[in-house]
C-alpha atoms as a PDB file:
ATOM      1  CA  MET A   1     170.254 -67.078  55.178  1.00  0.00           C
ATOM      2  CA  ALA A   2     172.177 -64.451  53.201  1.00  0.00           C
ATOM      3  CA  SER A   3     168.962 -62.597  52.376  1.00  0.00           C
ATOM      4  CA  LEU A   4     167.952 -62.634  56.049  1.00  0.00           C
ATOM      5  CA  LEU A   5     171.309 -61.190  57.033  1.00  0.00           C
ATOM      6  CA  ARG A   6     170.960 -58.431  54.417  1.00  0.00           C
ATOM      7  CA  ALA A   7     167.481 -57.598  55.685  1.00  0.00           C
ATOM      8  CA  ALA A   8     168.698 -57.500  59.294  1.00  0.00           C
ATOM      9  CA  ALA A   9     171.555 -55.203  58.293  1.00  0.00           C
ATOM     10  CA  ALA A  10     169.151 -52.891  56.469  1.00  0.00           C
ATOM     11  CA  ILE A  11     166.868 -52.680  59.495  1.00  0.00           C
ATOM     12  CA  ALA A  12     169.816 -51.946  61.764  1.00  0.00           C
ATOM     13  CA  LEU A  13     170.932 -49.155  59.456  1.00  0.00           C
ATOM     14  CA  VAL A  14     167.462 -47.631  59.353  1.00  0.00           C
ATOM     15  CA  ALA A  15     167.320 -47.607  63.129  1.00  0.00           C
ATOM     16  CA  ALA A  16     170.803 -46.121  63.535  1.00  0.00           C
ATOM     17  CA  ALA A  17     171.478 -42.418  63.888  1.00  0.00           C
ATOM     18  CA  PRO A  18     174.736 -41.152  62.334  1.00  0.00           C
ATOM     19  CA  ALA A  19     177.205 -39.874  64.927  1.00  0.00           C
ATOM     20  CA  ARG A  20     179.208 -38.016  62.273  1.00  0.00           C
ATOM     21  CA  ALA A  21     178.812 -36.508  58.843  1.00  0.00           C
ATOM     22  CA  VAL A  22     178.412 -39.045  56.031  1.00  0.00           C
ATOM     23  CA  ASP A  23     178.583 -38.764  52.259  1.00  0.00           C
ATOM     24  CA  VAL A  24     175.048 -39.964  51.467  1.00  0.00           C
ATOM     25  CA  ALA A  25     171.935 -40.366  53.591  1.00  0.00           C
ATOM     26  CA  LEU A  26     169.384 -42.706  52.010  1.00  0.00           C
ATOM     27  CA  VAL A  27     165.900 -42.027  53.394  1.00  0.00           C
ATOM     28  CA  LEU A  28     163.425 -44.865  52.781  1.00  0.00           C
ATOM     29  CA  SER A  29     159.694 -44.117  52.817  1.00  0.00           C
ATOM     30  CA  GLU A  30     159.159 -47.576  54.324  1.00  0.00           C
ATOM     31  CA  ARG A  31     160.934 -50.902  54.613  1.00  0.00           C
ATOM     32  CA  SER A  32     159.295 -52.445  51.554  1.00  0.00           C
ATOM     33  CA  PRO A  33     161.131 -54.723  49.098  1.00  0.00           C
ATOM     34  CA  ALA A  34     160.842 -52.138  46.283  1.00  0.00           C
ATOM     35  CA  TYR A  35     162.406 -49.323  48.315  1.00  0.00           C
ATOM     36  CA  GLN A  36     165.104 -51.623  49.652  1.00  0.00           C
ATOM     37  CA  GLU A  37     165.873 -52.828  46.118  1.00  0.00           C
ATOM     38  CA  ALA A  38     166.288 -49.228  44.930  1.00  0.00           C
ATOM     39  CA  ALA A  39     168.430 -48.317  47.943  1.00  0.00           C
ATOM     40  CA  ASP A  40     170.676 -51.347  47.402  1.00  0.00           C
ATOM     41  CA  ALA A  41     171.122 -50.336  43.762  1.00  0.00           C
ATOM     42  CA  VAL A  42     172.061 -46.773  44.743  1.00  0.00           C
ATOM     43  CA  ARG A  43     174.682 -48.084  47.147  1.00  0.00           C
ATOM     44  CA  GLY A  44     175.969 -50.564  44.605  1.00  0.00           C
ATOM     45  CA  ALA A  45     176.654 -47.781  42.082  1.00  0.00           C
ATOM     46  CA  LEU A  46     178.655 -45.667  44.543  1.00  0.00           C
ATOM     47  CA  GLU A  47     182.382 -45.893  45.143  1.00  0.00           C
ATOM     48  CA  PRO A  48     183.161 -48.660  47.677  1.00  0.00           C
ATOM     49  CA  GLN A  49     184.601 -46.150  50.135  1.00  0.00           C
ATOM     50  CA  THR A  50     181.497 -43.915  50.072  1.00  0.00           C
ATOM     51  CA  ASP A  51     180.085 -43.464  53.562  1.00  0.00           C
ATOM     52  CA  VAL A  52     176.339 -44.177  53.465  1.00  0.00           C
ATOM     53  CA  VAL A  53     173.660 -44.272  56.149  1.00  0.00           C
ATOM     54  CA  VAL A  54     170.098 -45.554  55.658  1.00  0.00           C
ATOM     55  CA  LEU A  55     167.326 -43.879  57.647  1.00  0.00           C
ATOM     56  CA  GLY A  56     163.560 -43.697  57.924  1.00  0.00           C
ATOM     57  CA  PRO A  57     161.705 -40.367  57.650  1.00  0.00           C
ATOM     58  CA  ALA A  58     161.320 -40.175  61.433  1.00  0.00           C
ATOM     59  CA  ASP A  59     165.115 -40.254  61.854  1.00  0.00           C
ATOM     60  CA  LEU A  60     165.887 -37.165  59.763  1.00  0.00           C
ATOM     61  CA  GLY A  61     166.371 -35.051  62.893  1.00  0.00           C
ATOM     62  CA  SER A  62     169.495 -37.057  63.694  1.00  0.00           C
ATOM     63  CA  LEU A  63     171.184 -35.494  60.652  1.00  0.00           C
ATOM     64  CA  ASN A  64     170.955 -31.904  61.931  1.00  0.00           C
ATOM     65  CA  PRO A  65     174.286 -31.778  63.800  1.00  0.00           C
ATOM     66  CA  ASN A  66     176.179 -33.499  60.952  1.00  0.00           C
ATOM     67  CA  PRO A  67     174.340 -33.127  57.636  1.00  0.00           C
ATOM     68  CA  PRO A  68     175.425 -35.413  54.806  1.00  0.00           C
ATOM     69  CA  ARG A  69     176.795 -34.215  51.488  1.00  0.00           C
ATOM     70  CA  LEU A  70     173.748 -35.613  49.665  1.00  0.00           C
ATOM     71  CA  LEU A  71     170.245 -36.690  50.666  1.00  0.00           C
ATOM     72  CA  VAL A  72     168.608 -39.468  48.618  1.00  0.00           C
ATOM     73  CA  PRO A  73     164.924 -39.878  49.550  1.00  0.00           C
ATOM     74  CA  VAL A  74     163.402 -43.080  48.164  1.00  0.00           C
ATOM     75  CA  GLY A  75     159.664 -42.745  47.536  1.00  0.00           C
ATOM     76  CA  LEU A  76     157.192 -39.907  47.952  1.00  0.00           C
ATOM     77  CA  GLN A  77     156.838 -39.972  51.742  1.00  0.00           C
ATOM     78  CA  ALA A  78     160.598 -39.804  52.168  1.00  0.00           C
ATOM     79  CA  LEU A  79     160.772 -36.898  49.724  1.00  0.00           C
ATOM     80  CA  LYS A  80     158.059 -34.973  51.608  1.00  0.00           C
ATOM     81  CA  ALA A  81     159.755 -35.589  54.956  1.00  0.00           C
ATOM     82  CA  THR A  82     163.160 -34.596  53.588  1.00  0.00           C
ATOM     83  CA  VAL A  83     161.847 -31.324  52.173  1.00  0.00           C
ATOM     84  CA  ASP A  84     159.939 -30.554  55.381  1.00  0.00           C
ATOM     85  CA  ALA A  85     163.077 -31.226  57.446  1.00  0.00           C
ATOM     86  CA  ASP A  86     164.680 -28.284  55.616  1.00  0.00           C
ATOM     87  CA  LEU A  87     168.257 -29.520  55.967  1.00  0.00           C
ATOM     88  CA  ARG A  88     169.369 -27.338  53.024  1.00  0.00           C
ATOM     89  CA  VAL A  89     171.394 -30.251  51.670  1.00  0.00           C
ATOM     90  CA  PRO A  90     171.470 -31.209  47.954  1.00  0.00           C
ATOM     91  CA  LEU A  91     168.758 -33.739  47.225  1.00  0.00           C
ATOM     92  CA  LEU A  92     168.360 -36.578  44.710  1.00  0.00           C
ATOM     93  CA  ALA A  93     164.895 -38.171  44.793  1.00  0.00           C
ATOM     94  CA  VAL A  94     164.300 -41.760  43.675  1.00  0.00           C
ATOM     95  CA  LEU A  95     161.108 -43.691  42.793  1.00  0.00           C
ATOM     96  CA  VAL A  96     158.763 -40.701  42.657  1.00  0.00           C
ATOM     97  CA  LEU A  97     156.425 -39.604  39.872  1.00  0.00           C
ATOM     98  CA  ARG A  98     157.369 -36.468  37.972  1.00  0.00           C
ATOM     99  CA  THR A  99     154.159 -34.645  38.933  1.00  0.00           C
ATOM    100  CA  SER A 100     154.602 -35.539  42.616  1.00  0.00           C
ATOM    101  CA  TYR A 101     158.226 -34.394  42.632  1.00  0.00           C
ATOM    102  CA  GLU A 102     157.367 -31.059  41.051  1.00  0.00           C
ATOM    103  CA  ALA A 103     154.504 -30.448  43.501  1.00  0.00           C
ATOM    104  CA  VAL A 104     156.642 -31.219  46.559  1.00  0.00           C
ATOM    105  CA  MET A 105     159.654 -29.214  45.401  1.00  0.00           C
ATOM    106  CA  GLU A 106     157.514 -26.119  44.808  1.00  0.00           C
ATOM    107  CA  ARG A 107     156.990 -25.773  48.540  1.00  0.00           C
ATOM    108  CA  GLY A 108     160.562 -26.522  49.614  1.00  0.00           C
ATOM    109  CA  ALA A 109     163.500 -24.199  50.155  1.00  0.00           C
ATOM    110  CA  ARG A 110     165.742 -23.651  47.154  1.00  0.00           C
ATOM    111  CA  ARG A 111     168.638 -26.093  46.964  1.00  0.00           C
ATOM    112  CA  PRO A 112     170.420 -28.178  44.348  1.00  0.00           C
ATOM    113  CA  ALA A 113     167.917 -30.941  43.631  1.00  0.00           C
ATOM    114  CA  SER A 114     167.215 -33.634  41.086  1.00  0.00           C
ATOM    115  CA  ALA A 115     165.345 -36.902  40.668  1.00  0.00           C
ATOM    116  CA  VAL A 116     165.226 -40.144  38.756  1.00  0.00           C
ATOM    117  CA  PHE A 117     161.515 -40.589  38.199  1.00  0.00           C
ATOM    118  CA  LEU A 118     159.544 -43.792  38.408  1.00  0.00           C
ATOM    119  CA  ASP A 119     157.304 -42.946  35.444  1.00  0.00           C
ATOM    120  CA  GLN A 120     158.343 -43.273  31.815  1.00  0.00           C
ATOM    121  CA  PRO A 121     158.640 -40.362  29.365  1.00  0.00           C
ATOM    122  CA  LEU A 122     155.354 -39.869  27.520  1.00  0.00           C
ATOM    123  CA  GLY A 123     156.928 -40.542  24.146  1.00  0.00           C
ATOM    124  CA  ARG A 124     158.100 -43.973  25.293  1.00  0.00           C
ATOM    125  CA  HIS A 125     154.507 -45.105  25.918  1.00  0.00           C
ATOM    126  CA  LEU A 126     153.497 -43.938  22.465  1.00  0.00           C
ATOM    127  CA  ASP A 127     156.569 -45.468  20.839  1.00  0.00           C
ATOM    128  CA  LEU A 128     155.677 -48.807  22.401  1.00  0.00           C
ATOM    129  CA  LEU A 129     152.232 -48.480  20.882  1.00  0.00           C
ATOM    130  CA  ARG A 130     153.732 -47.676  17.459  1.00  0.00           C
ATOM    131  CA  ALA A 131     156.137 -50.620  17.615  1.00  0.00           C
ATOM    132  CA  ALA A 132     153.698 -53.192  18.988  1.00  0.00           C
ATOM    133  CA  LEU A 133     150.418 -52.064  17.389  1.00  0.00           C
ATOM    134  CA  PRO A 134     151.350 -50.125  14.253  1.00  0.00           C
ATOM    135  CA  ASP A 135     147.800 -50.262  12.860  1.00  0.00           C
ATOM    136  CA  ARG A 136     146.287 -48.695  15.977  1.00  0.00           C
ATOM    137  CA  ARG A 137     146.503 -44.948  15.306  1.00  0.00           C
ATOM    138  CA  ARG A 138     143.555 -43.634  17.347  1.00  0.00           C
ATOM    139  CA  VAL A 139     144.786 -43.254  20.911  1.00  0.00           C
ATOM    140  CA  ALA A 140     142.733 -42.448  24.019  1.00  0.00           C
ATOM    141  CA  ALA A 141     143.960 -41.387  27.448  1.00  0.00           C
ATOM    142  CA  LEU A 142     142.057 -41.174  30.713  1.00  0.00           C
ATOM    143  CA  LEU A 143     143.604 -38.486  32.935  1.00  0.00           C
ATOM    144  CA  GLY A 144     142.937 -37.756  36.600  1.00  0.00           C
ATOM    145  CA  PRO A 145     143.803 -34.761  38.789  1.00  0.00           C
ATOM    146  CA  GLU A 146     147.543 -35.570  38.919  1.00  0.00           C
ATOM    147  CA  SER A 147     148.084 -36.655  35.313  1.00  0.00           C
ATOM    148  CA  ALA A 148     145.958 -33.834  33.832  1.00  0.00           C
ATOM    149  CA  ALA A 149     149.018 -31.563  33.924  1.00  0.00           C
ATOM    150  CA  GLN A 150     150.563 -33.788  31.245  1.00  0.00           C
ATOM    151  CA  ALA A 151     147.707 -33.386  28.775  1.00  0.00           C
ATOM    152  CA  GLU A 152     149.390 -30.854  26.512  1.00  0.00           C
ATOM    153  CA  ALA A 153     152.731 -32.689  26.502  1.00  0.00           C
ATOM    154  CA  LEU A 154     150.877 -35.887  25.595  1.00  0.00           C
ATOM    155  CA  ARG A 155     149.097 -34.109  22.734  1.00  0.00           C
ATOM    156  CA  VAL A 156     152.426 -32.857  21.404  1.00  0.00           C
ATOM    157  CA  ALA A 157     154.045 -36.301  21.654  1.00  0.00           C
ATOM    158  CA  ALA A 158     151.090 -37.915  19.853  1.00  0.00           C
ATOM    159  CA  ARG A 159     151.101 -35.290  17.102  1.00  0.00           C
ATOM    160  CA  GLU A 160     154.838 -35.775  16.532  1.00  0.00           C
ATOM    161  CA  ARG A 161     154.185 -39.484  15.992  1.00  0.00           C
ATOM    162  CA  GLY A 162     151.210 -39.055  13.689  1.00  0.00           C
ATOM    163  CA  LEU A 163     148.727 -40.401  16.228  1.00  0.00           C
ATOM    164  CA  ALA A 164     145.193 -39.099  16.747  1.00  0.00           C
ATOM    165  CA  LEU A 165     144.700 -38.492  20.481  1.00  0.00           C
ATOM    166  CA  THR A 166     141.455 -38.157  22.459  1.00  0.00           C
ATOM    167  CA  ILE A 167     141.628 -37.244  26.156  1.00  0.00           C
ATOM    168  CA  ALA A 168     138.993 -37.493  28.881  1.00  0.00           C
ATOM    169  CA  ARG A 169     139.536 -36.052  32.351  1.00  0.00           C
ATOM    170  CA  VAL A 170     138.001 -37.484  35.517  1.00  0.00           C
ATOM    171  CA  GLY A 171     137.974 -36.270  39.088  1.00  0.00           C
ATOM    172  CA  GLY A 172     137.751 -39.697  40.668  1.00  0.00           C
ATOM    173  CA  PRO A 173     136.860 -43.375  40.217  1.00  0.00           C
ATOM    174  CA  GLU A 174     133.105 -42.698  40.046  1.00  0.00           C
ATOM    175  CA  GLU A 175     133.574 -40.828  36.756  1.00  0.00           C
ATOM    176  CA  ILE A 176     135.681 -43.457  34.982  1.00  0.00           C
ATOM    177  CA  TYR A 177     132.949 -45.582  33.404  1.00  0.00           C
ATOM    178  CA  GLY A 178     131.140 -42.601  31.876  1.00  0.00           C
ATOM    179  CA  ALA A 179     134.418 -41.215  30.545  1.00  0.00           C
ATOM    180  CA  LEU A 180     135.272 -44.550  28.936  1.00  0.00           C
ATOM    181  CA  GLN A 181     131.873 -44.688  27.265  1.00  0.00           C
ATOM    182  CA  GLY A 182     132.671 -41.372  25.595  1.00  0.00           C
ATOM    183  CA  LEU A 183     136.271 -42.295  24.727  1.00  0.00           C
ATOM    184  CA  LEU A 184     136.142 -45.802  23.369  1.00  0.00           C
ATOM    185  CA  PRO A 185     134.072 -45.187  20.208  1.00  0.00           C
ATOM    186  CA  HIS A 186     136.958 -42.976  19.056  1.00  0.00           C
ATOM    187  CA  ALA A 187     139.847 -45.214  20.197  1.00  0.00           C
ATOM    188  CA  ASP A 188     141.860 -48.145  18.891  1.00  0.00           C
ATOM    189  CA  VAL A 189     143.963 -48.289  22.085  1.00  0.00           C
ATOM    190  CA  LEU A 190     143.977 -46.770  25.569  1.00  0.00           C
ATOM    191  CA  VAL A 191     147.233 -45.456  27.054  1.00  0.00           C
ATOM    192  CA  ALA A 192     147.491 -45.336  30.856  1.00  0.00           C
ATOM    193  CA  LEU A 193     149.507 -42.718  32.740  1.00  0.00           C
ATOM    194  CA  PRO A 194     150.077 -43.089  36.496  1.00  0.00           C
ATOM    195  CA  ASP A 195     147.358 -41.395  38.535  1.00  0.00           C
ATOM    196  CA  PRO A 196     145.904 -42.788  41.767  1.00  0.00           C
ATOM    197  CA  ALA A 197     142.453 -41.344  41.014  1.00  0.00           C
ATOM    198  CA  VAL A 198     142.246 -43.495  37.857  1.00  0.00           C
ATOM    199  CA  TRP A 199     144.499 -46.514  38.218  1.00  0.00           C
ATOM    200  CA  GLY A 200     144.450 -48.602  41.363  1.00  0.00           C
ATOM    201  CA  ALA A 201     143.354 -51.874  42.912  1.00  0.00           C
ATOM    202  CA  GLY A 202     139.769 -50.675  43.080  1.00  0.00           C
ATOM    203  CA  THR A 203     139.486 -49.623  39.431  1.00  0.00           C
ATOM    204  CA  ILE A 204     141.782 -51.698  37.235  1.00  0.00           C
ATOM    205  CA  GLN A 205     139.551 -54.781  36.843  1.00  0.00           C
ATOM    206  CA  ASN A 206     136.461 -52.774  35.899  1.00  0.00           C
ATOM    207  CA  ILE A 207     138.476 -50.778  33.363  1.00  0.00           C
ATOM    208  CA  LEU A 208     139.959 -53.934  31.881  1.00  0.00           C
ATOM    209  CA  ARG A 209     136.549 -55.600  31.564  1.00  0.00           C
ATOM    210  CA  THR A 210     135.167 -52.542  29.776  1.00  0.00           C
ATOM    211  CA  LEU A 211     138.130 -52.437  27.387  1.00  0.00           C
ATOM    212  CA  TYR A 212     137.918 -56.166  26.701  1.00  0.00           C
ATOM    213  CA  ARG A 213     134.239 -55.932  25.745  1.00  0.00           C
ATOM    214  CA  GLU A 214     135.122 -53.207  23.243  1.00  0.00           C
ATOM    215  CA  SER A 215     138.261 -55.062  21.973  1.00  0.00           C
ATOM    216  CA  VAL A 216     140.469 -52.092  22.944  1.00  0.00           C
ATOM    217  CA  PRO A 217     143.971 -52.978  24.199  1.00  0.00           C
ATOM    218  CA  LEU A 218     145.569 -51.170  27.138  1.00  0.00           C
ATOM    219  CA  VAL A 219     149.158 -49.876  27.081  1.00  0.00           C
ATOM    220  CA  ALA A 220     150.011 -49.650  30.785  1.00  0.00           C
ATOM    221  CA  PHE A 221     152.916 -48.483  32.951  1.00  0.00           C
ATOM    222  CA  SER A 222     153.295 -51.470  35.285  1.00  0.00           C
ATOM    223  CA  ALA A 223     154.130 -55.141  34.887  1.00  0.00           C
ATOM    224  CA  SER A 224     151.534 -55.911  37.574  1.00  0.00           C
ATOM    225  CA  TYR A 225     148.831 -54.434  35.330  1.00  0.00           C
ATOM    226  CA  VAL A 226     149.950 -56.697  32.486  1.00  0.00           C
ATOM    227  CA  LYS A 227     149.572 -59.671  34.828  1.00  0.00           C
ATOM    228  CA  ALA A 228     146.112 -58.361  35.710  1.00  0.00           C
ATOM    229  CA  GLY A 229     145.057 -58.234  32.050  1.00  0.00           C
ATOM    230  CA  ALA A 230     146.535 -55.153  30.344  1.00  0.00           C
ATOM    231  CA  THR A 231     147.841 -55.974  26.887  1.00  0.00           C
ATOM    232  CA  LEU A 232     151.339 -54.577  27.309  1.00  0.00           C
ATOM    233  CA  ALA A 233     153.423 -52.104  29.301  1.00  0.00           C
ATOM    234  CA  VAL A 234     156.749 -50.322  29.443  1.00  0.00           C
ATOM    235  CA  HIS A 235     158.141 -50.058  32.965  1.00  0.00           C
ATOM    236  CA  SER A 236     161.351 -49.738  34.961  1.00  0.00           C
ATOM    237  CA  THR A 237     162.292 -51.756  38.034  1.00  0.00           C
ATOM    238  CA  PRO A 238     163.367 -50.200  41.346  1.00  0.00           C
ATOM    239  CA  GLU A 239     166.819 -51.640  40.703  1.00  0.00           C
ATOM    240  CA  GLN A 240     167.104 -49.875  37.332  1.00  0.00           C
ATOM    241  CA  VAL A 241     165.947 -46.549  38.788  1.00  0.00           C
ATOM    242  CA  GLY A 242     168.197 -46.905  41.826  1.00  0.00           C
ATOM    243  CA  ARG A 243     171.268 -47.754  39.761  1.00  0.00           C
ATOM    244  CA  GLN A 244     170.750 -44.661  37.604  1.00  0.00           C
ATOM    245  CA  ALA A 245     170.375 -42.516  40.722  1.00  0.00           C
ATOM    246  CA  GLY A 246     173.488 -44.074  42.222  1.00  0.00           C
ATOM    247  CA  GLN A 247     175.488 -43.155  39.127  1.00  0.00           C
ATOM    248  CA  ALA A 248     174.268 -39.556  39.415  1.00  0.00           C
ATOM    249  CA  ALA A 249     175.151 -39.508  43.132  1.00  0.00           C
ATOM    250  CA  ARG A 250     178.602 -40.892  42.403  1.00  0.00           C
ATOM    251  CA  ALA A 251     179.253 -38.136  39.853  1.00  0.00           C
ATOM    252  CA  PHE A 252     178.002 -35.500  42.323  1.00  0.00           C
ATOM    253  CA  LEU A 253     180.329 -36.729  45.052  1.00  0.00           C
ATOM    254  CA  ALA A 254     183.178 -36.530  42.524  1.00  0.00           C
ATOM    255  CA  GLY A 255     182.501 -32.818  42.042  1.00  0.00           C
ATOM    256  CA  ARG A 256     179.979 -32.651  39.210  1.00  0.00           C
ATOM    257  CA  PRO A 257     176.619 -30.881  39.550  1.00  0.00           C
ATOM    258  CA  LEU A 258     173.461 -32.928  39.918  1.00  0.00           C
ATOM    259  CA  PRO A 259     171.851 -33.640  36.535  1.00  0.00           C
ATOM    260  CA  ALA A 260     168.441 -32.283  35.587  1.00  0.00           C
ATOM    261  CA  PRO A 261     165.523 -34.410  36.836  1.00  0.00           C
ATOM    262  CA  GLN A 262     165.213 -37.319  34.443  1.00  0.00           C
ATOM    263  CA  PRO A 263     163.093 -40.346  33.551  1.00  0.00           C
ATOM    264  CA  PRO A 264     164.474 -43.877  33.765  1.00  0.00           C
ATOM    265  CA  GLN A 265     167.009 -44.679  31.073  1.00  0.00           C
ATOM    266  CA  GLN A 266     166.598 -48.455  31.307  1.00  0.00           C
ATOM    267  CA  PHE A 267     163.250 -50.191  30.987  1.00  0.00           C
ATOM    268  CA  HIS A 268     161.491 -53.482  30.343  1.00  0.00           C
ATOM    269  CA  ILE A 269     158.645 -54.431  28.017  1.00  0.00           C
ATOM    270  CA  ALA A 270     155.911 -56.736  29.302  1.00  0.00           C
ATOM    271  CA  VAL A 271     153.261 -58.316  27.060  1.00  0.00           C
ATOM    272  CA  ASN A 272     150.263 -60.402  28.084  1.00  0.00           C
ATOM    273  CA  ARG A 273     150.283 -62.866  25.190  1.00  0.00           C
ATOM    274  CA  PRO A 274     146.964 -64.605  26.024  1.00  0.00           C
ATOM    275  CA  VAL A 275     145.152 -61.259  26.158  1.00  0.00           C
ATOM    276  CA  ALA A 276     146.798 -60.152  22.911  1.00  0.00           C
ATOM    277  CA  ARG A 277     145.693 -63.351  21.169  1.00  0.00           C
ATOM    278  CA  SER A 278     142.143 -63.029  22.473  1.00  0.00           C
ATOM    279  CA  LEU A 279     142.024 -59.520  20.981  1.00  0.00           C
ATOM    280  CA  GLY A 280     143.333 -60.815  17.656  1.00  0.00           C
ATOM    281  CA  LEU A 281     146.669 -58.990  18.017  1.00  0.00           C
ATOM    282  CA  ARG A 282     150.048 -60.227  16.805  1.00  0.00           C
ATOM    283  CA  ILE A 283     152.628 -58.431  18.915  1.00  0.00           C
ATOM    284  CA  PRO A 284     156.395 -58.841  18.326  1.00  0.00           C
ATOM    285  CA  ASP A 285     158.573 -60.440  20.989  1.00  0.00           C
ATOM    286  CA  ASP A 286     159.593 -58.298  23.954  1.00  0.00           C
ATOM    287  CA  GLU A 287     163.266 -57.994  22.996  1.00  0.00           C
ATOM    288  CA  PRO A 288     162.710 -56.634  19.450  1.00  0.00           C
ATOM    289  CA  LEU A 289     160.200 -54.161  20.880  1.00  0.00           C
ATOM    290  CA  GLY A 290     162.780 -52.885  23.354  1.00  0.00           C
ATOM    291  CA  ILE A 291     165.415 -52.607  20.637  1.00  0.00           C
ATOM    292  CA  GLN A 292     163.027 -50.588  18.457  1.00  0.00           C
ATOM    293  CA  LEU A 293     162.169 -48.187  21.284  1.00  0.00           C
ATOM    294  CA  ARG A 294     165.836 -47.580  22.087  1.00  0.00           C
ATOM    295  CA  LEU A 295     166.590 -47.000  18.419  1.00  0.00           C
ATOM    296  CA  TRP A 296     163.839 -44.398  18.108  1.00  0.00           C
ATOM    297  CA  GLU A 297     165.062 -42.664  21.264  1.00  0.00           C
ATOM    298  CA  ARG A 298     168.600 -42.417  19.899  1.00  0.00           C
ATOM    299  CA  HIS A 299     167.411 -41.345  16.445  1.00  0.00           C
ATOM    300  CA  PRO A 300     163.993 -39.624  16.750  1.00  0.00           C
END
C-alpha cells in the first residue's frame, strides 16, 4: 500500500504545474521505475525544506513564468527537452551517458551545467579486469558510432595499466560478427562500453554465444548483461547516481557552484559465477573486488 501511495504521489507531481518559483524542478524522461528511483534519491539528498516539483518533458512550458533555481533532467529525453526549452536555468543532468550529454549540450545555450553520468569511467572497467582476471592482458573493445569518441581515452587507460588493447569499430549490428572474428584471435577478454549500435536486446545473445565458443569472457557495464551471460560487470544503480546528484544539487542551493560533470562515485560489482566456472576462471568475491577498485582509485 505504501508503494502504491508513493507512486500515486509521483504521478500527481508529474501532472502538476508549479504556480510559483521552486528550488528544484526534476524532469523525468518517463515514469519508469529507474527514473523514479533516481528522482527519489535526488530528493532524499536535499534539505527537507527544499521546494521540489516533478514534471514530465511536456510540462516544461509551465516553468516559464516562475523558473526554478535548478533544473534536474533525469534521462536523455528529459535532457534534450530541457535544453530545447531554453529556460536559461542552471542544469544538472542525471542518468545520461557522457557522450550523449556532451552532444546535447553542444547545441544548447550557454549556462551553468553539470551531470552525474550513468556510465563508468573507462579506467574502472579496466581495473575490474585487472582485479578479477589478472592473467588476461590482451583486451579487445568493440566500439560503435557513439562510443568511438572514447577510443583514444581507452587506449591511454589501457597503456597506463600495462594492457594490450585492440579496437574494432562498427557502424551497426550487421557488422558485429565480422568485427568479432577479427578481434577475438588477439583477445583474452572483451570490454563493453555503452553504445546502442553494439549492445542491445537484439545483439547481446549472439555476441555472448560467439565469445563463449572462443572462451573469451565479457566485462560489461550492466547487471542485466551479467544475468544474460556476461562474465562480470561494474555498474551503478539509479539510486546511487541520483543520491550523488542530490548532494551536488544541495551544495549548489547552498551557494556553491555546480561541480564538473562526473562519473558515478559509488558502484557495484556483479559476477556470473556459473559462466566464470564454465570458462575455467576463478574470480574473487564481489566485495574484495570492489575494495580493490576503490583502493586503486584513491591511490593510482
